[in-house]
Amino acid sequence: MLLLSGVFVIRRVPNLYVTTLAMLLAGSIAGCDREKQPDGQAAGGEANISPGQAKPGAALDRFEYQLDRSQKGKPVPTATFRGPDDAAVTLADFRGKPLLVNLWATWCAPCVAEMPTLDALAGASGDRMAVIAVAQDLQGAEIVDPWFQKAGLKNLQPYLDPKNGLLDAYNSALPTSIYYDAEGREIWRIIGAIDWQGKEAKALLAEAK
């Protein structure tokens, strides 16, 4: 593992080590675990967290994230989620151009803090790249749609994954962003919040073909 300009780069290490490292770093990179179930228990054995929407436009003192290349070449997961029109969709439906998938939730402060920069990226990408933000809120549209209306985002649309199928597939914390090439093969993933308008993000996004 190398540390370059605050970015963790993981190379040729066993999956178990990567999983353990991601779990250890999740608490130190301003990430979030899962939302509590109605019975007060966190889903999937994850740590409990007090749910409640983070305000649109909420700011952080700084963005902190981990760059993980250990899953490079891995195909998109098969989990089904809901599109803005409430139709079932999978990540395979986006093949044909590079795809950036952002897993977030309304109650996750780092997620909300990076959302304006992700929205700007979506607007600037045009037809060159697809950018989607998939909410992991257990209440789905009931809580995500009002958040979007208040946030005033101009380019992103509310994709919903209330069953956390994608979060389970990636076994990660929030926010997590995964970048795929046009064939649906993973290039890298980022765990934590990043400025999608910054130089580091732009350099990473230039890697897709």
N, C-alpha and C. Protein backbone atom coordinates (compact mmCIF):
# COMPACT_ATOMS: atom_id res chain seq x y z
N MET A 1 0.84 -1.19 0.00
CA MET A 1 0.00 0.00 0.00
C MET A 1 0.88 1.24 0.00
N LEU A 2 0.57 2.19 -0.87
CA LEU A 2 1.30 3.44 -0.95
C LEU A 2 0.40 4.58 -0.55
N LEU A 3 0.98 5.62 -0.01
CA LEU A 3 0.24 6.82 0.34
C LEU A 3 0.78 7.96 -0.49
N LEU A 4 -0.01 8.42 -1.47
CA LEU A 4 0.41 9.48 -2.38
C LEU A 4 -0.56 10.64 -2.29
N SER A 5 -0.08 11.78 -1.82
CA SER A 5 -0.91 12.99 -1.72
C SER A 5 -2.22 12.71 -1.00
N GLY A 6 -2.14 11.94 0.08
CA GLY A 6 -3.33 11.67 0.86
C GLY A 6 -4.21 10.59 0.27
N VAL A 7 -3.76 9.91 -0.78
CA VAL A 7 -4.56 8.89 -1.43
C VAL A 7 -3.95 7.53 -1.15
N PHE A 8 -4.75 6.59 -0.66
CA PHE A 8 -4.27 5.24 -0.44
C PHE A 8 -4.40 4.45 -1.72
N VAL A 9 -3.30 3.89 -2.21
CA VAL A 9 -3.29 3.08 -3.42
C VAL A 9 -2.94 1.65 -3.02
N ILE A 10 -3.84 0.72 -3.29
CA ILE A 10 -3.65 -0.66 -2.88
C ILE A 10 -3.33 -1.49 -4.12
N ARG A 11 -2.24 -2.27 -4.06
CA ARG A 11 -1.82 -3.04 -5.22
C ARG A 11 -1.50 -4.48 -4.83
N ARG A 12 -2.05 -5.41 -5.59
CA ARG A 12 -1.73 -6.83 -5.47
C ARG A 12 -1.70 -7.30 -4.02
N VAL A 13 -2.80 -7.12 -3.32
CA VAL A 13 -2.89 -7.61 -1.96
C VAL A 13 -4.10 -8.53 -1.88
N PRO A 14 -4.10 -9.51 -0.98
CA PRO A 14 -5.21 -10.45 -0.88
C PRO A 14 -6.52 -9.73 -0.58
N ASN A 15 -7.64 -10.28 -1.06
CA ASN A 15 -8.94 -9.67 -0.85
C ASN A 15 -9.27 -9.52 0.63
N LEU A 16 -8.85 -10.50 1.45
CA LEU A 16 -9.12 -10.42 2.87
C LEU A 16 -8.45 -9.21 3.47
N TYR A 17 -7.22 -8.93 3.04
CA TYR A 17 -6.50 -7.77 3.54
C TYR A 17 -7.20 -6.49 3.13
N VAL A 18 -7.67 -6.45 1.89
CA VAL A 18 -8.36 -5.26 1.40
C VAL A 18 -9.62 -5.00 2.20
N THR A 19 -10.41 -6.10 2.44
CA THR A 19 -11.64 -5.96 3.20
C THR A 19 -11.36 -5.46 4.60
N THR A 20 -10.34 -6.04 5.23
CA THR A 20 -9.99 -5.62 6.58
C THR A 20 -9.52 -4.17 6.60
N LEU A 21 -8.70 -3.80 5.63
CA LEU A 21 -8.20 -2.43 5.56
C LEU A 21 -9.34 -1.45 5.36
N ALA A 22 -10.28 -1.80 4.48
CA ALA A 22 -11.41 -0.90 4.22
C ALA A 22 -12.22 -0.70 5.48
N MET A 23 -12.41 -1.79 6.26
CA MET A 23 -13.18 -1.67 7.50
C MET A 23 -12.46 -0.79 8.51
N LEU A 24 -11.15 -0.94 8.59
CA LEU A 24 -10.38 -0.14 9.54
C LEU A 24 -10.38 1.33 9.16
N LEU A 25 -10.31 1.60 7.84
CA LEU A 25 -10.24 2.97 7.38
C LEU A 25 -11.59 3.66 7.36
N ALA A 26 -12.68 2.87 7.32
CA ALA A 26 -14.01 3.46 7.19
C ALA A 26 -14.28 4.50 8.27
N GLY A 27 -13.82 4.21 9.49
CA GLY A 27 -14.07 5.15 10.57
C GLY A 27 -13.15 6.35 10.54
N SER A 28 -12.06 6.29 9.78
CA SER A 28 -11.09 7.37 9.80
C SER A 28 -11.15 8.26 8.57
N ILE A 29 -12.02 7.91 7.59
CA ILE A 29 -12.10 8.72 6.38
C ILE A 29 -13.46 9.39 6.26
N ALA A 30 -14.08 9.65 7.39
CA ALA A 30 -15.36 10.36 7.41
C ALA A 30 -16.41 9.63 6.60
N GLY A 31 -16.47 8.29 6.78
CA GLY A 31 -17.47 7.49 6.10
C GLY A 31 -18.61 7.13 7.03
N CYS A 32 -19.65 6.49 6.48
CA CYS A 32 -20.82 6.11 7.25
C CYS A 32 -21.08 4.63 7.09
N ASP A 33 -21.60 3.99 8.16
CA ASP A 33 -22.06 2.63 8.06
C ASP A 33 -23.51 2.63 7.59
N ARG A 34 -24.22 1.52 7.81
CA ARG A 34 -25.59 1.41 7.31
C ARG A 34 -26.59 2.12 8.21
N GLU A 35 -27.74 2.39 7.61
CA GLU A 35 -28.86 2.96 8.34
C GLU A 35 -29.51 1.88 9.19
N LYS A 36 -30.03 2.27 10.34
CA LYS A 36 -30.73 1.32 11.19
C LYS A 36 -32.02 0.83 10.56
N GLN A 37 -32.33 -0.43 10.79
CA GLN A 37 -33.61 -0.97 10.41
C GLN A 37 -34.68 -0.43 11.38
N PRO A 38 -35.97 -0.56 11.03
CA PRO A 38 -37.02 -0.07 11.93
C PRO A 38 -36.95 -0.65 13.33
N ASP A 39 -36.36 -1.87 13.48
CA ASP A 39 -36.25 -2.46 14.80
C ASP A 39 -35.04 -1.96 15.57
N GLY A 40 -34.32 -0.98 14.98
CA GLY A 40 -33.19 -0.39 15.67
C GLY A 40 -31.88 -1.08 15.41
N GLN A 41 -31.89 -2.15 14.63
CA GLN A 41 -30.67 -2.88 14.33
C GLN A 41 -30.14 -2.50 12.96
N ALA A 42 -28.84 -2.39 12.85
CA ALA A 42 -28.23 -2.06 11.56
C ALA A 42 -28.32 -3.27 10.65
N ALA A 43 -28.54 -3.03 9.37
CA ALA A 43 -28.67 -4.12 8.40
C ALA A 43 -27.34 -4.80 8.18
N GLY A 44 -27.39 -6.07 7.84
CA GLY A 44 -26.20 -6.79 7.40
C GLY A 44 -25.09 -6.88 8.42
N GLY A 45 -25.43 -6.72 9.71
CA GLY A 45 -24.41 -6.85 10.74
C GLY A 45 -23.50 -5.64 10.84
N GLU A 46 -23.82 -4.56 10.15
CA GLU A 46 -22.98 -3.37 10.22
C GLU A 46 -23.24 -2.61 11.52
N ALA A 47 -22.37 -1.65 11.82
CA ALA A 47 -22.52 -0.87 13.04
C ALA A 47 -23.75 0.00 12.97
N ASN A 48 -24.40 0.19 14.12
CA ASN A 48 -25.57 1.05 14.17
C ASN A 48 -25.18 2.50 13.95
N ILE A 49 -26.08 3.24 13.39
CA ILE A 49 -25.86 4.67 13.16
C ILE A 49 -27.17 5.39 13.34
N SER A 50 -27.18 6.56 13.89
CA SER A 50 -28.42 7.30 14.09
C SER A 50 -28.87 7.91 12.78
N PRO A 51 -30.01 7.42 12.21
CA PRO A 51 -30.47 7.96 10.94
C PRO A 51 -31.09 9.33 11.10
N GLY A 52 -31.25 10.02 10.02
CA GLY A 52 -31.78 11.38 10.02
C GLY A 52 -31.10 12.15 8.92
N GLN A 53 -31.87 12.83 8.12
CA GLN A 53 -31.31 13.46 6.93
C GLN A 53 -30.23 14.49 7.25
N ALA A 54 -29.16 14.45 6.46
CA ALA A 54 -28.17 15.52 6.50
C ALA A 54 -28.68 16.64 5.59
N LYS A 55 -28.45 17.85 5.96
CA LYS A 55 -28.98 18.97 5.19
C LYS A 55 -28.29 19.09 3.84
N PRO A 56 -29.07 19.32 2.76
CA PRO A 56 -28.45 19.57 1.45
C PRO A 56 -27.46 20.72 1.55
N GLY A 57 -26.30 20.54 0.95
CA GLY A 57 -25.29 21.58 0.99
C GLY A 57 -24.43 21.55 2.23
N ALA A 58 -24.63 20.51 3.07
CA ALA A 58 -23.82 20.39 4.28
C ALA A 58 -22.35 20.29 3.89
N ALA A 59 -21.50 20.96 4.65
CA ALA A 59 -20.08 21.04 4.30
C ALA A 59 -19.22 20.25 5.27
N LEU A 60 -18.07 19.82 4.81
CA LEU A 60 -17.06 19.20 5.65
C LEU A 60 -15.83 20.08 5.65
N ASP A 61 -15.02 19.95 6.70
CA ASP A 61 -13.78 20.71 6.73
C ASP A 61 -12.85 20.28 5.60
N ARG A 62 -12.91 19.01 5.25
CA ARG A 62 -12.10 18.50 4.15
C ARG A 62 -12.69 17.18 3.67
N PHE A 63 -12.39 16.83 2.42
CA PHE A 63 -12.81 15.56 1.88
C PHE A 63 -11.73 14.52 2.18
N GLU A 64 -12.14 13.35 2.64
CA GLU A 64 -11.19 12.29 2.92
C GLU A 64 -11.67 11.02 2.23
N TYR A 65 -10.76 10.31 1.60
CA TYR A 65 -11.15 9.12 0.85
C TYR A 65 -10.00 8.14 0.70
N GLN A 66 -10.36 6.92 0.36
CA GLN A 66 -9.41 5.85 0.08
C GLN A 66 -9.61 5.40 -1.36
N LEU A 67 -8.55 5.34 -2.14
CA LEU A 67 -8.60 4.84 -3.51
C LEU A 67 -8.22 3.37 -3.51
N ASP A 68 -9.09 2.53 -4.04
CA ASP A 68 -8.89 1.08 -4.03
C ASP A 68 -8.91 0.55 -5.47
N ARG A 69 -7.79 -0.03 -5.91
CA ARG A 69 -7.70 -0.62 -7.24
C ARG A 69 -7.70 -2.15 -7.20
N SER A 70 -7.94 -2.72 -6.05
CA SER A 70 -7.80 -4.17 -5.89
C SER A 70 -8.86 -4.96 -6.65
N GLN A 71 -9.96 -4.31 -7.03
CA GLN A 71 -11.04 -5.01 -7.74
C GLN A 71 -11.03 -4.71 -9.24
N LYS A 72 -9.94 -4.17 -9.74
CA LYS A 72 -9.84 -3.80 -11.16
C LYS A 72 -10.16 -5.00 -12.07
N GLY A 73 -11.01 -4.75 -13.06
CA GLY A 73 -11.38 -5.79 -13.99
C GLY A 73 -12.63 -6.56 -13.61
N LYS A 74 -13.11 -6.37 -12.39
CA LYS A 74 -14.30 -7.08 -11.91
C LYS A 74 -15.55 -6.54 -12.61
N PRO A 75 -16.46 -7.42 -13.06
CA PRO A 75 -17.66 -6.94 -13.75
C PRO A 75 -18.66 -6.31 -12.79
N VAL A 76 -19.61 -5.58 -13.34
CA VAL A 76 -20.64 -4.95 -12.52
C VAL A 76 -21.44 -6.01 -11.79
N PRO A 77 -21.90 -5.73 -10.56
CA PRO A 77 -22.75 -6.68 -9.85
C PRO A 77 -24.12 -6.79 -10.52
N THR A 78 -24.83 -7.85 -10.23
CA THR A 78 -26.12 -8.10 -10.87
C THR A 78 -27.30 -7.55 -10.08
N ALA A 79 -27.05 -6.91 -8.94
CA ALA A 79 -28.13 -6.41 -8.08
C ALA A 79 -29.05 -5.47 -8.84
N THR A 80 -30.35 -5.60 -8.58
CA THR A 80 -31.36 -4.75 -9.20
C THR A 80 -31.74 -3.61 -8.26
N PHE A 81 -31.89 -2.40 -8.81
CA PHE A 81 -32.35 -1.25 -8.03
C PHE A 81 -33.38 -0.51 -8.87
N ARG A 82 -33.83 0.66 -8.40
CA ARG A 82 -34.91 1.37 -9.06
C ARG A 82 -34.40 2.65 -9.70
N GLY A 83 -34.88 2.91 -10.94
CA GLY A 83 -34.51 4.13 -11.64
C GLY A 83 -35.42 5.28 -11.28
N PRO A 84 -35.16 6.48 -11.82
CA PRO A 84 -35.99 7.65 -11.54
C PRO A 84 -37.46 7.46 -11.93
N ASP A 85 -37.72 6.56 -12.90
CA ASP A 85 -39.09 6.26 -13.31
C ASP A 85 -39.67 5.08 -12.55
N ASP A 86 -38.97 4.62 -11.51
CA ASP A 86 -39.36 3.50 -10.65
C ASP A 86 -39.25 2.16 -11.36
N ALA A 87 -38.65 2.12 -12.53
CA ALA A 87 -38.44 0.86 -13.23
C ALA A 87 -37.20 0.16 -12.69
N ALA A 88 -37.22 -1.17 -12.73
CA ALA A 88 -36.06 -1.94 -12.29
C ALA A 88 -34.89 -1.73 -13.25
N VAL A 89 -33.70 -1.61 -12.70
CA VAL A 89 -32.51 -1.36 -13.52
C VAL A 89 -31.32 -2.06 -12.88
N THR A 90 -30.33 -2.42 -13.71
CA THR A 90 -29.06 -2.96 -13.22
C THR A 90 -27.94 -2.13 -13.83
N LEU A 91 -26.76 -2.25 -13.28
CA LEU A 91 -25.62 -1.48 -13.80
C LEU A 91 -25.24 -1.94 -15.21
N ALA A 92 -25.57 -3.17 -15.56
CA ALA A 92 -25.27 -3.65 -16.91
C ALA A 92 -26.03 -2.85 -17.96
N ASP A 93 -27.13 -2.23 -17.57
CA ASP A 93 -27.93 -1.43 -18.51
C ASP A 93 -27.18 -0.19 -19.00
N PHE A 94 -26.09 0.18 -18.32
CA PHE A 94 -25.35 1.39 -18.67
C PHE A 94 -24.12 1.11 -19.53
N ARG A 95 -23.92 -0.12 -19.94
CA ARG A 95 -22.75 -0.44 -20.75
C ARG A 95 -22.79 0.31 -22.07
N GLY A 96 -21.59 0.60 -22.58
CA GLY A 96 -21.47 1.34 -23.83
C GLY A 96 -20.72 2.64 -23.64
N LYS A 97 -20.59 3.08 -22.40
CA LYS A 97 -19.81 4.27 -22.06
C LYS A 97 -19.32 4.11 -20.63
N PRO A 98 -18.27 4.83 -20.23
CA PRO A 98 -17.81 4.76 -18.84
C PRO A 98 -18.95 5.12 -17.89
N LEU A 99 -18.93 4.51 -16.72
CA LEU A 99 -19.99 4.71 -15.72
C LEU A 99 -19.38 4.97 -14.36
N LEU A 100 -19.83 6.03 -13.70
CA LEU A 100 -19.46 6.31 -12.32
C LEU A 100 -20.70 6.11 -11.46
N VAL A 101 -20.61 5.16 -10.54
CA VAL A 101 -21.72 4.85 -9.63
C VAL A 101 -21.37 5.36 -8.24
N ASN A 102 -22.23 6.18 -7.68
CA ASN A 102 -22.02 6.72 -6.34
C ASN A 102 -23.10 6.17 -5.42
N LEU A 103 -22.68 5.48 -4.35
CA LEU A 103 -23.61 4.99 -3.34
C LEU A 103 -23.62 5.99 -2.19
N TRP A 104 -24.80 6.46 -1.82
CA TRP A 104 -24.91 7.52 -0.84
C TRP A 104 -26.21 7.34 -0.04
N ALA A 105 -26.44 8.22 0.92
CA ALA A 105 -27.70 8.25 1.67
C ALA A 105 -27.93 9.66 2.19
N THR A 106 -29.18 10.01 2.39
CA THR A 106 -29.52 11.36 2.83
C THR A 106 -29.02 11.65 4.24
N TRP A 107 -28.81 10.60 5.05
CA TRP A 107 -28.38 10.78 6.44
C TRP A 107 -26.85 10.77 6.60
N CYS A 108 -26.14 10.57 5.48
CA CYS A 108 -24.68 10.46 5.52
C CYS A 108 -24.05 11.81 5.16
N ALA A 109 -23.48 12.49 6.14
CA ALA A 109 -22.94 13.84 5.93
C ALA A 109 -21.86 13.90 4.85
N PRO A 110 -20.88 12.98 4.82
CA PRO A 110 -19.88 13.05 3.74
C PRO A 110 -20.51 12.87 2.36
N CYS A 111 -21.53 12.01 2.28
CA CYS A 111 -22.24 11.81 1.01
C CYS A 111 -22.85 13.12 0.52
N VAL A 112 -23.55 13.78 1.43
CA VAL A 112 -24.25 15.03 1.09
C VAL A 112 -23.25 16.12 0.73
N ALA A 113 -22.11 16.14 1.42
CA ALA A 113 -21.12 17.19 1.18
C ALA A 113 -20.53 17.11 -0.23
N GLU A 114 -20.32 15.90 -0.75
CA GLU A 114 -19.73 15.77 -2.08
C GLU A 114 -20.77 15.85 -3.20
N MET A 115 -22.06 15.80 -2.85
CA MET A 115 -23.09 15.71 -3.88
C MET A 115 -23.10 16.89 -4.86
N PRO A 116 -22.92 18.14 -4.43
CA PRO A 116 -22.89 19.23 -5.42
C PRO A 116 -21.77 19.08 -6.45
N THR A 117 -20.61 18.58 -6.04
CA THR A 117 -19.51 18.40 -7.00
C THR A 117 -19.81 17.23 -7.93
N LEU A 118 -20.52 16.20 -7.43
CA LEU A 118 -20.91 15.08 -8.28
C LEU A 118 -21.97 15.53 -9.28
N ASP A 119 -22.87 16.39 -8.85
CA ASP A 119 -23.90 16.92 -9.74
C ASP A 119 -23.27 17.74 -10.86
N ALA A 120 -22.26 18.55 -10.52
CA ALA A 120 -21.55 19.34 -11.53
C ALA A 120 -20.83 18.43 -12.52
N LEU A 121 -20.25 17.33 -12.02
CA LEU A 121 -19.59 16.38 -12.90
C LEU A 121 -20.59 15.75 -13.87
N ALA A 122 -21.75 15.39 -13.36
CA ALA A 122 -22.78 14.79 -14.21
C ALA A 122 -23.18 15.75 -15.33
N GLY A 123 -23.27 17.03 -15.00
CA GLY A 123 -23.64 18.01 -16.00
C GLY A 123 -22.57 18.21 -17.05
N ALA A 124 -21.32 18.15 -16.63
CA ALA A 124 -20.20 18.38 -17.55
C ALA A 124 -19.87 17.15 -18.39
N SER A 125 -20.32 15.97 -17.96
CA SER A 125 -19.95 14.73 -18.65
C SER A 125 -20.70 14.53 -19.96
N GLY A 126 -21.91 15.08 -20.05
CA GLY A 126 -22.69 14.93 -21.27
C GLY A 126 -22.89 13.48 -21.64
N ASP A 127 -22.69 13.14 -22.92
CA ASP A 127 -22.86 11.77 -23.39
C ASP A 127 -21.59 10.94 -23.28
N ARG A 128 -20.51 11.56 -22.81
CA ARG A 128 -19.23 10.86 -22.74
C ARG A 128 -19.21 9.81 -21.64
N MET A 129 -19.90 10.10 -20.53
CA MET A 129 -19.86 9.23 -19.37
C MET A 129 -21.19 9.31 -18.63
N ALA A 130 -21.63 8.19 -18.07
CA ALA A 130 -22.84 8.18 -17.24
C ALA A 130 -22.44 8.34 -15.78
N VAL A 131 -23.18 9.18 -15.07
CA VAL A 131 -22.95 9.40 -13.64
C VAL A 131 -24.27 9.20 -12.93
N ILE A 132 -24.32 8.22 -12.03
CA ILE A 132 -25.56 7.99 -11.28
C ILE A 132 -25.27 7.94 -9.78
N ALA A 133 -26.20 8.43 -9.01
CA ALA A 133 -26.13 8.39 -7.55
C ALA A 133 -27.27 7.51 -7.06
N VAL A 134 -26.94 6.41 -6.38
CA VAL A 134 -27.93 5.43 -5.96
C VAL A 134 -28.09 5.51 -4.44
N ALA A 135 -29.24 6.00 -3.99
CA ALA A 135 -29.48 6.19 -2.56
C ALA A 135 -29.70 4.86 -1.85
N GLN A 136 -29.09 4.72 -0.69
CA GLN A 136 -29.21 3.51 0.12
C GLN A 136 -30.18 3.68 1.29
N ASP A 137 -30.98 4.73 1.27
CA ASP A 137 -31.96 4.95 2.34
C ASP A 137 -32.99 3.83 2.35
N LEU A 138 -33.26 3.28 3.51
CA LEU A 138 -34.19 2.17 3.62
C LEU A 138 -35.62 2.59 3.28
N GLN A 139 -35.95 3.87 3.45
CA GLN A 139 -37.30 4.36 3.16
C GLN A 139 -37.50 4.72 1.70
N GLY A 140 -36.47 4.62 0.89
CA GLY A 140 -36.59 4.84 -0.53
C GLY A 140 -37.09 6.22 -0.92
N ALA A 141 -37.99 6.26 -1.90
CA ALA A 141 -38.47 7.52 -2.46
C ALA A 141 -39.14 8.42 -1.42
N GLU A 142 -39.70 7.83 -0.40
CA GLU A 142 -40.40 8.60 0.63
C GLU A 142 -39.50 9.67 1.25
N ILE A 143 -38.22 9.36 1.38
CA ILE A 143 -37.29 10.30 1.99
C ILE A 143 -36.31 10.90 0.98
N VAL A 144 -35.99 10.15 -0.08
CA VAL A 144 -35.01 10.62 -1.06
C VAL A 144 -35.59 11.68 -1.98
N ASP A 145 -36.80 11.50 -2.46
CA ASP A 145 -37.41 12.48 -3.38
C ASP A 145 -37.52 13.87 -2.76
N PRO A 146 -38.02 14.00 -1.52
CA PRO A 146 -38.06 15.33 -0.90
C PRO A 146 -36.67 15.94 -0.73
N TRP A 147 -35.68 15.10 -0.43
CA TRP A 147 -34.31 15.60 -0.29
C TRP A 147 -33.83 16.20 -1.60
N PHE A 148 -34.09 15.50 -2.71
CA PHE A 148 -33.69 16.00 -4.02
C PHE A 148 -34.36 17.33 -4.33
N GLN A 149 -35.61 17.47 -3.98
CA GLN A 149 -36.34 18.71 -4.25
C GLN A 149 -35.72 19.89 -3.50
N LYS A 150 -35.27 19.64 -2.26
CA LYS A 150 -34.66 20.69 -1.46
C LYS A 150 -33.23 20.99 -1.91
N ALA A 151 -32.54 19.97 -2.39
CA ALA A 151 -31.13 20.13 -2.73
C ALA A 151 -30.91 20.99 -3.96
N GLY A 152 -31.87 21.01 -4.87
CA GLY A 152 -31.73 21.83 -6.07
C GLY A 152 -30.69 21.32 -7.05
N LEU A 153 -30.47 20.01 -7.07
CA LEU A 153 -29.51 19.44 -8.02
C LEU A 153 -30.07 19.54 -9.44
N LYS A 154 -29.20 19.83 -10.39
CA LYS A 154 -29.65 20.09 -11.75
C LYS A 154 -29.46 18.92 -12.71
N ASN A 155 -28.59 17.98 -12.34
CA ASN A 155 -28.22 16.94 -13.31
C ASN A 155 -28.45 15.52 -12.81
N LEU A 156 -28.22 15.25 -11.55
CA LEU A 156 -28.42 13.92 -11.01
C LEU A 156 -29.90 13.61 -10.84
N GLN A 157 -30.23 12.33 -10.97
CA GLN A 157 -31.59 11.85 -10.76
C GLN A 157 -31.59 10.86 -9.60
N PRO A 158 -32.73 10.73 -8.90
CA PRO A 158 -32.78 9.84 -7.73
C PRO A 158 -32.94 8.37 -8.09
N TYR A 159 -31.84 7.62 -8.08
CA TYR A 159 -31.88 6.17 -8.17
C TYR A 159 -31.97 5.62 -6.75
N LEU A 160 -32.72 4.54 -6.57
CA LEU A 160 -33.03 4.05 -5.23
C LEU A 160 -32.63 2.58 -5.06
N ASP A 161 -32.06 2.28 -3.92
CA ASP A 161 -31.67 0.90 -3.59
C ASP A 161 -32.01 0.65 -2.13
N PRO A 162 -33.30 0.68 -1.75
CA PRO A 162 -33.68 0.56 -0.35
C PRO A 162 -33.33 -0.79 0.27
N LYS A 163 -33.12 -1.81 -0.55
CA LYS A 163 -32.73 -3.11 -0.02
C LYS A 163 -31.21 -3.24 0.10
N ASN A 164 -30.49 -2.20 -0.28
CA ASN A 164 -29.03 -2.16 -0.15
C ASN A 164 -28.34 -3.29 -0.91
N GLY A 165 -28.91 -3.66 -2.06
CA GLY A 165 -28.31 -4.73 -2.86
C GLY A 165 -26.93 -4.38 -3.36
N LEU A 166 -26.74 -3.13 -3.81
CA LEU A 166 -25.42 -2.71 -4.29
C LEU A 166 -24.44 -2.58 -3.13
N LEU A 167 -24.89 -2.05 -2.01
CA LEU A 167 -24.00 -1.90 -0.86
C LEU A 167 -23.53 -3.26 -0.37
N ASP A 168 -24.43 -4.25 -0.43
CA ASP A 168 -24.04 -5.62 -0.07
C ASP A 168 -23.00 -6.16 -1.06
N ALA A 169 -23.23 -5.90 -2.35
CA ALA A 169 -22.32 -6.42 -3.37
C ALA A 169 -20.92 -5.84 -3.23
N TYR A 170 -20.84 -4.57 -2.86
CA TYR A 170 -19.53 -3.92 -2.73
C TYR A 170 -18.94 -4.08 -1.33
N ASN A 171 -19.77 -4.48 -0.36
CA ASN A 171 -19.28 -4.69 1.01
C ASN A 171 -18.50 -3.48 1.50
N SER A 172 -19.12 -2.32 1.40
CA SER A 172 -18.40 -1.09 1.66
C SER A 172 -19.17 -0.17 2.59
N ALA A 173 -18.57 0.97 2.89
CA ALA A 173 -19.19 2.02 3.67
C ALA A 173 -19.72 3.09 2.72
N LEU A 174 -20.36 4.11 3.25
CA LEU A 174 -20.86 5.22 2.45
C LEU A 174 -20.07 6.49 2.76
N PRO A 175 -19.84 7.33 1.76
CA PRO A 175 -20.10 7.08 0.35
C PRO A 175 -19.04 6.17 -0.27
N THR A 176 -19.45 5.42 -1.27
CA THR A 176 -18.52 4.66 -2.10
C THR A 176 -18.84 4.96 -3.56
N SER A 177 -17.83 5.22 -4.35
CA SER A 177 -18.01 5.48 -5.78
C SER A 177 -17.17 4.48 -6.56
N ILE A 178 -17.78 3.86 -7.58
CA ILE A 178 -17.12 2.84 -8.38
C ILE A 178 -17.11 3.29 -9.84
N TYR A 179 -15.95 3.19 -10.47
CA TYR A 179 -15.79 3.64 -11.86
C TYR A 179 -15.60 2.44 -12.77
N TYR A 180 -16.42 2.37 -13.83
CA TYR A 180 -16.38 1.28 -14.79
C TYR A 180 -16.03 1.79 -16.18
N ASP A 181 -15.37 0.93 -16.96
CA ASP A 181 -15.12 1.27 -18.36
C ASP A 181 -16.37 0.97 -19.18
N ALA A 182 -16.32 1.20 -20.47
CA ALA A 182 -17.49 1.04 -21.32
C ALA A 182 -17.98 -0.40 -21.41
N GLU A 183 -17.12 -1.35 -21.05
CA GLU A 183 -17.50 -2.76 -21.08
C GLU A 183 -18.03 -3.26 -19.74
N GLY A 184 -18.14 -2.35 -18.77
CA GLY A 184 -18.64 -2.75 -17.47
C GLY A 184 -17.62 -3.41 -16.58
N ARG A 185 -16.34 -3.10 -16.78
CA ARG A 185 -15.28 -3.64 -15.95
C ARG A 185 -14.77 -2.56 -15.00
N GLU A 186 -14.64 -2.91 -13.74
CA GLU A 186 -14.23 -1.93 -12.74
C GLU A 186 -12.81 -1.43 -13.00
N ILE A 187 -12.62 -0.12 -12.84
CA ILE A 187 -11.30 0.49 -12.95
C ILE A 187 -10.75 0.78 -11.55
N TRP A 188 -11.56 1.39 -10.73
CA TRP A 188 -11.20 1.68 -9.35
C TRP A 188 -12.47 2.01 -8.57
N ARG A 189 -12.31 2.09 -7.26
CA ARG A 189 -13.40 2.57 -6.41
C ARG A 189 -12.83 3.50 -5.35
N ILE A 190 -13.64 4.44 -4.92
CA ILE A 190 -13.26 5.39 -3.89
C ILE A 190 -14.21 5.23 -2.72
N ILE A 191 -13.65 5.03 -1.54
CA ILE A 191 -14.43 4.93 -0.32
C ILE A 191 -14.22 6.23 0.45
N GLY A 192 -15.29 6.99 0.64
CA GLY A 192 -15.19 8.30 1.26
C GLY A 192 -15.60 9.38 0.28
N ALA A 193 -15.50 10.61 0.70
CA ALA A 193 -15.92 11.75 -0.12
C ALA A 193 -14.74 12.39 -0.83
N ILE A 194 -14.96 12.77 -2.09
CA ILE A 194 -13.93 13.43 -2.88
C ILE A 194 -14.56 14.62 -3.61
N ASP A 195 -13.75 15.61 -3.92
CA ASP A 195 -14.21 16.74 -4.73
C ASP A 195 -14.14 16.31 -6.19
N TRP A 196 -15.30 16.04 -6.78
CA TRP A 196 -15.34 15.55 -8.15
C TRP A 196 -14.97 16.61 -9.18
N GLN A 197 -14.78 17.84 -8.74
CA GLN A 197 -14.32 18.91 -9.62
C GLN A 197 -12.83 19.17 -9.44
N GLY A 198 -12.20 18.44 -8.52
CA GLY A 198 -10.80 18.67 -8.24
C GLY A 198 -9.86 17.97 -9.21
N LYS A 199 -8.57 18.31 -9.15
CA LYS A 199 -7.57 17.77 -10.06
C LYS A 199 -7.40 16.26 -9.91
N GLU A 200 -7.42 15.78 -8.66
CA GLU A 200 -7.22 14.35 -8.44
C GLU A 200 -8.35 13.54 -9.07
N ALA A 201 -9.59 13.98 -8.87
CA ALA A 201 -10.73 13.27 -9.45
C ALA A 201 -10.68 13.30 -10.97
N LYS A 202 -10.34 14.43 -11.54
CA LYS A 202 -10.29 14.54 -12.99
C LYS A 202 -9.23 13.61 -13.59
N ALA A 203 -8.11 13.48 -12.91
CA ALA A 203 -7.06 12.58 -13.38
C ALA A 203 -7.52 11.13 -13.32
N LEU A 204 -8.21 10.77 -12.26
CA LEU A 204 -8.71 9.41 -12.12
C LEU A 204 -9.77 9.09 -13.18
N LEU A 205 -10.66 10.04 -13.43
CA LEU A 205 -11.74 9.81 -14.38
C LEU A 205 -11.22 9.72 -15.82
N ALA A 206 -10.03 10.24 -16.06
CA ALA A 206 -9.45 10.18 -17.40
C ALA A 206 -8.92 8.80 -17.74
N GLU A 207 -8.94 7.88 -16.79
CA GLU A 207 -8.38 6.55 -17.00
C GLU A 207 -9.28 5.64 -17.83
N ALA A 208 -10.57 5.95 -17.91
CA ALA A 208 -11.50 5.08 -18.63
C ALA A 208 -11.29 5.16 -20.12
N LYS A 209 -11.56 4.06 -20.82
CA LYS A 209 -11.45 4.02 -22.27
C LYS A 209 -12.78 3.55 -22.86
